[in-house]
Amino acid sequence: MEWEHLFDDLEGQLAAEWEAERAALAAESERLRISKLTLRERMRIMSAGGARVGIELTTGERWDSVLRAVGADWVGVGIAGEHRLRIVPSAAITAIGADHGVLLAGLEAGMAGEGLRERMTFGFVMRDLARRRTPVTVRRTGADPQHGTIDRAGADHLDLALHDRSEPRRPRAVQGFRLIPFDAVSWVRVEGDASAAL
């Protein structure tokens, strides 16, 4: 009788040790998976659910917003009370505030492969806005927003023709030009049809 209790006790201890080892391996595997997640991947996961987040920028601005799109080096956000899309270079974001559930959802594994939008760079999107002649407002770090139309976009900069918001880009309406490095851009608000831009 005592031998049966002894073997039952040993089996129970062995099963508990195996279960503890499996749990430790699973926890370590999850820590390793999370250690490889990038901010971009987390934002991509959060944007799939239309997460409401607080975006903090290098300009000191803070927005209550919804993640609408994530590109290679930018995010598209909708600001509360504003129907226009803002395109924000990832480098201009200093923090993202979210409730704990949204943060945890951003850790979930296994989204499908990237689509074309996720591979688009900030420069690609600026060139598309230039091609479409879409009016925009550009905010640079340390400067007030400026309204105009992107005439062209190079590898690391854009040419902005400044004009009043109420005027289309015509030679007589242009008040000046700005050559703006992408590194200086805090955000670009698409004044035309945002869905056409992305």
Protein backbone atom coordinates (compact mmCIF):
# COMPACT_ATOMS: atom_id res chain seq x y z
CA MET A 1 0.00 0.00 0.00
CA GLU A 2 2.79 2.42 0.92
CA TRP A 3 4.57 1.64 -2.36
CA GLU A 4 1.44 2.68 -4.32
CA HIS A 5 1.26 5.99 -2.46
CA LEU A 6 4.96 6.52 -3.03
CA PHE A 7 4.65 5.88 -6.79
CA ASP A 8 1.51 8.03 -7.02
CA ASP A 9 3.35 10.81 -5.20
CA LEU A 10 6.38 10.48 -7.50
CA GLU A 11 4.17 10.52 -10.60
CA GLY A 12 2.40 13.62 -9.31
CA GLN A 13 5.71 15.37 -8.63
CA LEU A 14 7.06 14.41 -12.07
CA ALA A 15 3.90 15.62 -13.82
CA ALA A 16 4.06 18.91 -11.86
CA GLU A 17 7.74 19.38 -12.80
CA TRP A 18 7.00 18.69 -16.48
CA GLU A 19 4.10 21.14 -16.41
CA ALA A 20 6.26 23.78 -14.70
CA GLU A 21 9.00 23.23 -17.29
CA ARG A 22 6.49 23.50 -20.15
CA ALA A 23 5.10 26.72 -18.66
CA ALA A 24 8.62 28.14 -18.25
CA LEU A 25 9.48 27.26 -21.87
CA ALA A 26 6.23 28.80 -23.11
CA ALA A 27 6.88 31.98 -21.09
CA GLU A 28 10.45 32.20 -22.40
CA SER A 29 9.24 31.61 -25.96
CA GLU A 30 6.69 34.42 -25.57
CA ARG A 31 9.35 36.79 -24.14
CA LEU A 32 11.60 35.97 -27.10
CA ARG A 33 8.75 36.61 -29.59
CA ILE A 34 7.92 39.95 -27.96
CA SER A 35 11.59 40.96 -27.90
CA LYS A 36 11.58 40.80 -31.70
CA LEU A 37 8.45 42.95 -32.18
CA THR A 38 9.07 46.42 -33.60
CA LEU A 39 7.00 49.51 -32.85
CA ARG A 40 5.87 49.50 -36.48
CA GLU A 41 4.59 45.92 -36.18
CA ARG A 42 2.69 46.77 -33.00
CA MET A 43 1.14 49.85 -34.63
CA ARG A 44 0.21 47.73 -37.64
CA ILE A 45 -1.59 45.23 -35.39
CA MET A 46 -3.33 48.06 -33.51
CA SER A 47 -4.38 49.80 -36.75
CA ALA A 48 -6.09 46.62 -37.97
CA GLY A 49 -8.57 47.11 -35.13
CA GLY A 50 -8.83 50.88 -35.61
CA ALA A 51 -7.25 51.48 -32.20
CA ARG A 52 -7.87 54.81 -30.45
CA VAL A 53 -4.54 56.13 -29.21
CA GLY A 54 -2.88 59.30 -28.04
CA ILE A 55 -0.09 60.39 -30.36
CA GLU A 56 2.68 62.62 -28.99
CA LEU A 57 4.95 64.38 -31.48
CA THR A 58 8.34 66.07 -31.54
CA THR A 59 6.46 69.38 -31.94
CA GLY A 60 4.90 68.90 -28.49
CA GLU A 61 1.47 68.27 -30.00
CA ARG A 62 -0.75 65.55 -28.52
CA TRP A 63 -3.69 64.13 -30.44
CA ASP A 64 -6.55 61.86 -29.53
CA SER A 65 -6.58 59.82 -32.71
CA VAL A 66 -7.40 56.58 -34.48
CA LEU A 67 -4.69 54.62 -36.30
CA ARG A 68 -5.94 54.28 -39.89
CA ALA A 69 -2.88 53.06 -41.80
CA VAL A 70 0.73 52.08 -41.21
CA GLY A 71 3.37 52.34 -43.90
CA ALA A 72 7.05 51.51 -44.00
CA ASP A 73 8.10 54.65 -42.08
CA TRP A 74 4.86 56.56 -41.42
CA VAL A 75 1.41 56.22 -39.91
CA GLY A 76 -1.92 57.62 -41.08
CA VAL A 77 -4.15 58.89 -38.28
CA GLY A 78 -7.59 60.36 -37.98
CA ILE A 79 -7.81 63.11 -35.37
CA ALA A 80 -10.90 63.37 -33.18
CA GLY A 81 -13.31 65.91 -34.68
CA GLU A 82 -11.43 66.11 -37.99
CA HIS A 83 -12.34 64.16 -41.13
CA ARG A 84 -9.00 64.63 -42.88
CA LEU A 85 -6.14 62.15 -42.72
CA ARG A 86 -2.78 63.13 -41.25
CA ILE A 87 0.35 61.34 -42.38
CA VAL A 88 3.00 61.28 -39.67
CA PRO A 89 6.59 60.14 -40.24
CA SER A 90 7.47 57.55 -37.61
CA ALA A 91 10.51 59.62 -36.57
CA ALA A 92 8.17 62.47 -35.52
CA ILE A 93 6.38 60.30 -32.95
CA THR A 94 7.78 60.49 -29.42
CA ALA A 95 5.15 58.36 -27.65
CA ILE A 96 1.86 56.55 -28.16
CA GLY A 97 -0.62 56.48 -25.32
CA ALA A 98 -3.22 53.72 -25.18
CA ASP A 99 -5.25 51.83 -22.64
CA HIS A 100 -3.87 48.53 -21.40
CA GLY A 101 -6.17 46.43 -23.61
CA VAL A 102 -4.93 48.20 -26.77
CA LEU A 103 -1.31 47.75 -25.68
CA LEU A 104 -1.87 44.04 -25.09
CA ALA A 105 -3.70 43.69 -28.42
CA GLY A 106 -0.61 45.18 -30.07
CA LEU A 107 1.38 42.20 -28.80
CA GLU A 108 -0.77 39.62 -30.56
CA ALA A 109 1.06 37.40 -32.99
CA GLY A 110 0.49 36.49 -36.54
CA MET A 111 -0.99 39.13 -38.80
CA ALA A 112 -1.12 38.19 -42.45
CA GLY A 113 1.73 39.30 -44.70
CA GLU A 114 2.22 42.93 -45.52
CA GLY A 115 0.18 44.52 -48.25
CA LEU A 116 1.32 47.23 -50.62
CA ARG A 117 0.36 50.03 -48.22
CA GLU A 118 2.62 48.65 -45.48
CA ARG A 119 5.59 48.73 -47.88
CA MET A 120 4.98 52.32 -49.04
CA THR A 121 7.57 54.78 -47.76
CA PHE A 122 6.85 58.35 -46.69
CA GLY A 123 8.56 59.56 -49.89
CA PHE A 124 6.35 57.32 -52.02
CA VAL A 125 3.21 58.78 -50.41
CA MET A 126 4.51 62.36 -50.89
CA ARG A 127 5.24 61.64 -54.57
CA ASP A 128 1.72 60.27 -54.98
CA LEU A 129 0.23 63.41 -53.39
CA ALA A 130 2.37 65.50 -55.78
CA ARG A 131 1.19 63.47 -58.76
CA ARG A 132 -2.44 63.92 -57.74
CA ARG A 133 -1.93 67.66 -57.05
CA THR A 134 -3.67 67.15 -53.71
CA PRO A 135 -3.66 70.20 -51.44
CA VAL A 136 -1.93 69.61 -48.11
CA THR A 137 -0.94 71.31 -44.90
CA VAL A 138 2.62 70.57 -43.76
CA ARG A 139 3.83 71.02 -40.19
CA ARG A 140 7.57 71.21 -39.64
CA THR A 141 9.34 70.92 -36.31
CA GLY A 142 9.68 74.43 -34.90
CA ALA A 143 7.40 76.07 -37.49
CA ASP A 144 3.73 76.83 -38.01
CA PRO A 145 1.75 74.67 -40.45
CA GLN A 146 1.91 75.82 -44.06
CA HIS A 147 -0.74 75.17 -46.69
CA GLY A 148 0.04 74.38 -50.30
CA THR A 149 0.54 71.74 -52.92
CA ILE A 150 3.52 69.41 -53.21
CA ASP A 151 5.06 70.14 -56.60
CA ARG A 152 7.55 67.28 -56.41
CA ALA A 153 9.12 64.92 -53.90
CA GLY A 154 12.68 63.64 -54.08
CA ALA A 155 14.45 60.90 -52.18
CA ASP A 156 14.58 62.86 -48.93
CA HIS A 157 12.70 66.13 -49.44
CA LEU A 158 9.67 67.78 -51.01
CA ASP A 159 8.95 71.06 -52.80
CA LEU A 160 5.89 72.81 -51.38
CA ALA A 161 4.16 75.59 -53.38
CA LEU A 162 2.52 77.82 -50.76
CA HIS A 163 -0.98 79.15 -51.42
CA ASP A 164 -4.17 79.94 -49.53
CA ARG A 165 -6.35 77.03 -48.53
CA SER A 166 -9.29 78.50 -50.46
CA GLU A 167 -7.29 78.72 -53.69
CA PRO A 168 -6.24 75.90 -56.02
CA ARG A 169 -2.57 75.75 -56.95
CA ARG A 170 -2.30 78.21 -59.83
CA PRO A 171 0.79 80.29 -60.71
CA ARG A 172 -0.91 83.53 -59.65
CA ALA A 173 -2.05 82.03 -56.32
CA VAL A 174 1.41 80.80 -55.28
CA GLN A 175 2.92 82.97 -52.54
CA GLY A 176 6.26 81.21 -52.31
CA PHE A 177 8.03 77.87 -52.23
CA ARG A 178 9.64 75.76 -49.54
CA LEU A 179 12.15 72.97 -50.02
CA ILE A 180 11.49 70.78 -46.97
CA PRO A 181 13.62 67.81 -45.87
CA PHE A 182 11.53 64.79 -44.86
CA ASP A 183 13.42 64.76 -41.53
CA ALA A 184 11.91 68.17 -40.71
CA VAL A 185 8.30 67.12 -41.41
CA SER A 186 6.16 66.48 -38.31
CA TRP A 187 2.95 65.75 -40.20
CA VAL A 188 1.15 66.25 -43.47
CA ARG A 189 -2.62 66.75 -43.45
CA VAL A 190 -4.30 65.70 -46.67
CA GLU A 191 -6.80 68.45 -47.50
CA GLY A 192 -8.32 66.64 -50.46
CA ASP A 193 -9.82 63.16 -50.60
CA ALA A 194 -7.77 61.13 -48.09
CA SER A 195 -9.05 57.80 -49.40
CA ALA A 196 -7.67 58.59 -52.85
CA ALA A 197 -4.23 59.27 -51.34
CA LEU A 198 -4.05 55.88 -49.65
